[in-house]
Amino acid sequence: MTAVAFLPVMFTVLACISGSLLLVLVYLDNRNSRIDDSIDAFRRHIDALSPESRRNSVLRGPEDGPRR
């Protein structure tokens, strides 16, 4: 009978620990990301798409001929 009374207490403690751990992980993940990181990644992506970056592959053309 005492084992049945112990189960809700055990699940409550485990739920509190899991919730606390989740909050800590979300906090640590959001702390490391900034808006400047996203802007820099966007600019790198745009630079990679610029004509100067694509010049070598455009001049080379398809190596195995036209695709069907």
N, C-alpha and C. Protein backbone atom coordinates (compact mmCIF):
# COMPACT_ATOMS: atom_id res chain seq x y z
N MET A 1 0.81 -1.20 0.00
CA MET A 1 0.00 0.00 0.00
C MET A 1 0.86 1.26 0.00
N THR A 2 1.99 1.22 0.65
CA THR A 2 2.85 2.41 0.67
C THR A 2 3.51 2.64 -0.68
N ALA A 3 3.69 1.55 -1.47
CA ALA A 3 4.28 1.71 -2.80
C ALA A 3 3.33 2.48 -3.71
N VAL A 4 2.04 2.29 -3.56
CA VAL A 4 1.07 3.00 -4.38
C VAL A 4 1.04 4.48 -4.01
N ALA A 5 1.21 4.80 -2.76
CA ALA A 5 1.22 6.20 -2.32
C ALA A 5 2.52 6.88 -2.73
N PHE A 6 3.57 6.11 -2.91
CA PHE A 6 4.86 6.67 -3.28
C PHE A 6 4.93 7.06 -4.76
N LEU A 7 4.18 6.40 -5.61
CA LEU A 7 4.24 6.64 -7.06
C LEU A 7 3.87 8.08 -7.45
N PRO A 8 2.80 8.66 -6.95
CA PRO A 8 2.51 10.06 -7.33
C PRO A 8 3.59 11.03 -6.88
N VAL A 9 4.18 10.78 -5.74
CA VAL A 9 5.25 11.65 -5.25
C VAL A 9 6.47 11.53 -6.17
N MET A 10 6.79 10.30 -6.56
CA MET A 10 7.95 10.08 -7.43
C MET A 10 7.73 10.75 -8.79
N PHE A 11 6.54 10.61 -9.36
CA PHE A 11 6.26 11.24 -10.65
C PHE A 11 6.27 12.76 -10.55
N THR A 12 5.80 13.30 -9.46
CA THR A 12 5.81 14.75 -9.26
C THR A 12 7.25 15.27 -9.18
N VAL A 13 8.09 14.57 -8.46
CA VAL A 13 9.50 14.99 -8.34
C VAL A 13 10.18 14.89 -9.71
N LEU A 14 9.96 13.80 -10.43
CA LEU A 14 10.56 13.64 -11.75
C LEU A 14 10.06 14.71 -12.72
N ALA A 15 8.79 15.06 -12.64
CA ALA A 15 8.24 16.11 -13.51
C ALA A 15 8.87 17.46 -13.20
N CYS A 16 9.07 17.76 -11.94
CA CYS A 16 9.70 19.03 -11.56
C CYS A 16 11.15 19.09 -12.02
N ILE A 17 11.87 17.99 -11.87
CA ILE A 17 13.27 17.95 -12.32
C ILE A 17 13.34 18.09 -13.83
N SER A 18 12.48 17.38 -14.55
CA SER A 18 12.48 17.46 -16.01
C SER A 18 12.12 18.86 -16.51
N GLY A 19 11.12 19.46 -15.90
CA GLY A 19 10.73 20.81 -16.28
C GLY A 19 11.83 21.82 -16.02
N SER A 20 12.48 21.69 -14.88
CA SER A 20 13.58 22.60 -14.55
C SER A 20 14.73 22.44 -15.54
N LEU A 21 15.06 21.21 -15.87
CA LEU A 21 16.13 20.96 -16.82
C LEU A 21 15.78 21.51 -18.20
N LEU A 22 14.55 21.37 -18.60
CA LEU A 22 14.11 21.92 -19.89
C LEU A 22 14.23 23.43 -19.91
N LEU A 23 13.83 24.09 -18.85
CA LEU A 23 13.94 25.54 -18.78
C LEU A 23 15.40 26.00 -18.83
N VAL A 24 16.28 25.29 -18.16
CA VAL A 24 17.70 25.64 -18.18
C VAL A 24 18.26 25.47 -19.59
N LEU A 25 17.92 24.38 -20.25
CA LEU A 25 18.42 24.15 -21.61
C LEU A 25 17.92 25.20 -22.60
N VAL A 26 16.67 25.58 -22.49
CA VAL A 26 16.11 26.62 -23.37
C VAL A 26 16.80 27.95 -23.10
N TYR A 27 17.02 28.27 -21.85
CA TYR A 27 17.70 29.51 -21.50
C TYR A 27 19.12 29.54 -22.06
N LEU A 28 19.86 28.45 -21.90
CA LEU A 28 21.23 28.40 -22.40
C LEU A 28 21.28 28.46 -23.92
N ASP A 29 20.32 27.86 -24.59
CA ASP A 29 20.30 27.88 -26.04
C ASP A 29 19.99 29.28 -26.55
N ASN A 30 19.06 29.98 -25.94
CA ASN A 30 18.70 31.34 -26.38
C ASN A 30 19.77 32.36 -26.03
N ARG A 31 20.53 32.09 -25.00
CA ARG A 31 21.55 33.03 -24.58
C ARG A 31 22.69 33.10 -25.60
N ASN A 32 22.96 31.99 -26.28
CA ASN A 32 24.08 31.95 -27.21
C ASN A 32 23.73 32.50 -28.59
N SER A 33 22.48 32.63 -28.91
CA SER A 33 22.11 33.12 -30.24
C SER A 33 21.75 34.61 -30.16
N ARG A 34 22.24 35.34 -31.15
CA ARG A 34 21.94 36.77 -31.22
C ARG A 34 21.44 37.09 -32.62
N ILE A 35 20.82 38.22 -32.78
CA ILE A 35 20.30 38.64 -34.07
C ILE A 35 21.43 38.90 -35.04
N ASP A 36 22.59 39.34 -34.52
CA ASP A 36 23.73 39.61 -35.39
C ASP A 36 24.23 38.34 -36.06
N ASP A 37 24.12 37.19 -35.37
CA ASP A 37 24.54 35.92 -35.96
C ASP A 37 23.68 35.60 -37.18
N SER A 38 22.40 35.84 -37.08
CA SER A 38 21.50 35.56 -38.20
C SER A 38 21.78 36.50 -39.37
N ILE A 39 22.06 37.74 -39.07
CA ILE A 39 22.35 38.71 -40.13
C ILE A 39 23.65 38.35 -40.83
N ASP A 40 24.67 37.95 -40.08
CA ASP A 40 25.93 37.55 -40.68
C ASP A 40 25.77 36.31 -41.56
N ALA A 41 24.99 35.36 -41.10
CA ALA A 41 24.74 34.15 -41.89
C ALA A 41 24.00 34.50 -43.18
N PHE A 42 23.05 35.42 -43.11
CA PHE A 42 22.31 35.85 -44.29
C PHE A 42 23.24 36.54 -45.29
N ARG A 43 24.12 37.38 -44.78
CA ARG A 43 25.05 38.08 -45.68
C ARG A 43 26.02 37.10 -46.34
N ARG A 44 26.49 36.11 -45.60
CA ARG A 44 27.37 35.10 -46.19
C ARG A 44 26.64 34.32 -47.29
N HIS A 45 25.38 34.04 -47.04
CA HIS A 45 24.58 33.31 -48.02
C HIS A 45 24.40 34.15 -49.29
N ILE A 46 24.10 35.41 -49.14
CA ILE A 46 23.94 36.30 -50.29
C ILE A 46 25.26 36.45 -51.03
N ASP A 47 26.37 36.58 -50.30
CA ASP A 47 27.67 36.68 -50.95
C ASP A 47 28.00 35.41 -51.74
N ALA A 48 27.58 34.28 -51.24
CA ALA A 48 27.83 33.01 -51.94
C ALA A 48 27.02 32.95 -53.24
N LEU A 49 25.93 33.66 -53.31
CA LEU A 49 25.10 33.67 -54.51
C LEU A 49 25.48 34.78 -55.49
N SER A 50 26.44 35.60 -55.14
CA SER A 50 26.79 36.73 -56.00
C SER A 50 27.47 36.23 -57.27
N PRO A 51 27.42 37.03 -58.36
CA PRO A 51 28.04 36.62 -59.63
C PRO A 51 29.54 36.36 -59.50
N GLU A 52 30.22 37.10 -58.65
CA GLU A 52 31.66 36.89 -58.49
C GLU A 52 31.94 35.51 -57.90
N SER A 53 31.09 35.08 -57.01
CA SER A 53 31.28 33.78 -56.39
C SER A 53 30.94 32.65 -57.35
N ARG A 54 30.02 32.88 -58.25
CA ARG A 54 29.57 31.84 -59.18
C ARG A 54 30.35 31.82 -60.48
N ARG A 55 31.27 32.74 -60.69
CA ARG A 55 31.94 32.89 -61.97
C ARG A 55 32.63 31.60 -62.43
N ASN A 56 33.35 30.92 -61.55
CA ASN A 56 34.07 29.71 -61.95
C ASN A 56 33.11 28.62 -62.43
N SER A 57 32.03 28.41 -61.72
CA SER A 57 31.12 27.35 -62.13
C SER A 57 30.32 27.73 -63.38
N VAL A 58 30.05 29.02 -63.59
CA VAL A 58 29.32 29.46 -64.78
C VAL A 58 30.22 29.34 -66.01
N LEU A 59 31.48 29.72 -65.88
CA LEU A 59 32.40 29.64 -67.01
C LEU A 59 32.70 28.19 -67.38
N ARG A 60 32.75 27.33 -66.41
CA ARG A 60 33.05 25.93 -66.66
C ARG A 60 31.93 25.25 -67.41
N GLY A 61 30.70 25.54 -67.04
CA GLY A 61 29.53 24.94 -67.69
C GLY A 61 29.36 23.48 -67.30
N PRO A 62 28.33 22.86 -67.85
CA PRO A 62 28.11 21.44 -67.54
C PRO A 62 29.20 20.59 -68.18
N GLU A 63 29.79 19.70 -67.41
CA GLU A 63 30.91 18.91 -67.90
C GLU A 63 30.45 17.69 -68.69
N ASP A 64 29.27 17.20 -68.42
CA ASP A 64 28.84 15.97 -69.10
C ASP A 64 27.80 16.27 -70.18
N GLY A 65 27.70 17.47 -70.64
CA GLY A 65 26.77 17.80 -71.72
C GLY A 65 25.38 18.10 -71.19
N PRO A 66 24.45 18.34 -72.13
CA PRO A 66 23.08 18.68 -71.70
C PRO A 66 22.37 17.47 -71.07
N ARG A 67 21.54 17.76 -70.12
CA ARG A 67 20.79 16.71 -69.45
C ARG A 67 19.45 16.53 -70.13
N ARG A 68 18.95 15.34 -70.12
CA ARG A 68 17.67 15.04 -70.77
C ARG A 68 16.60 14.76 -69.78
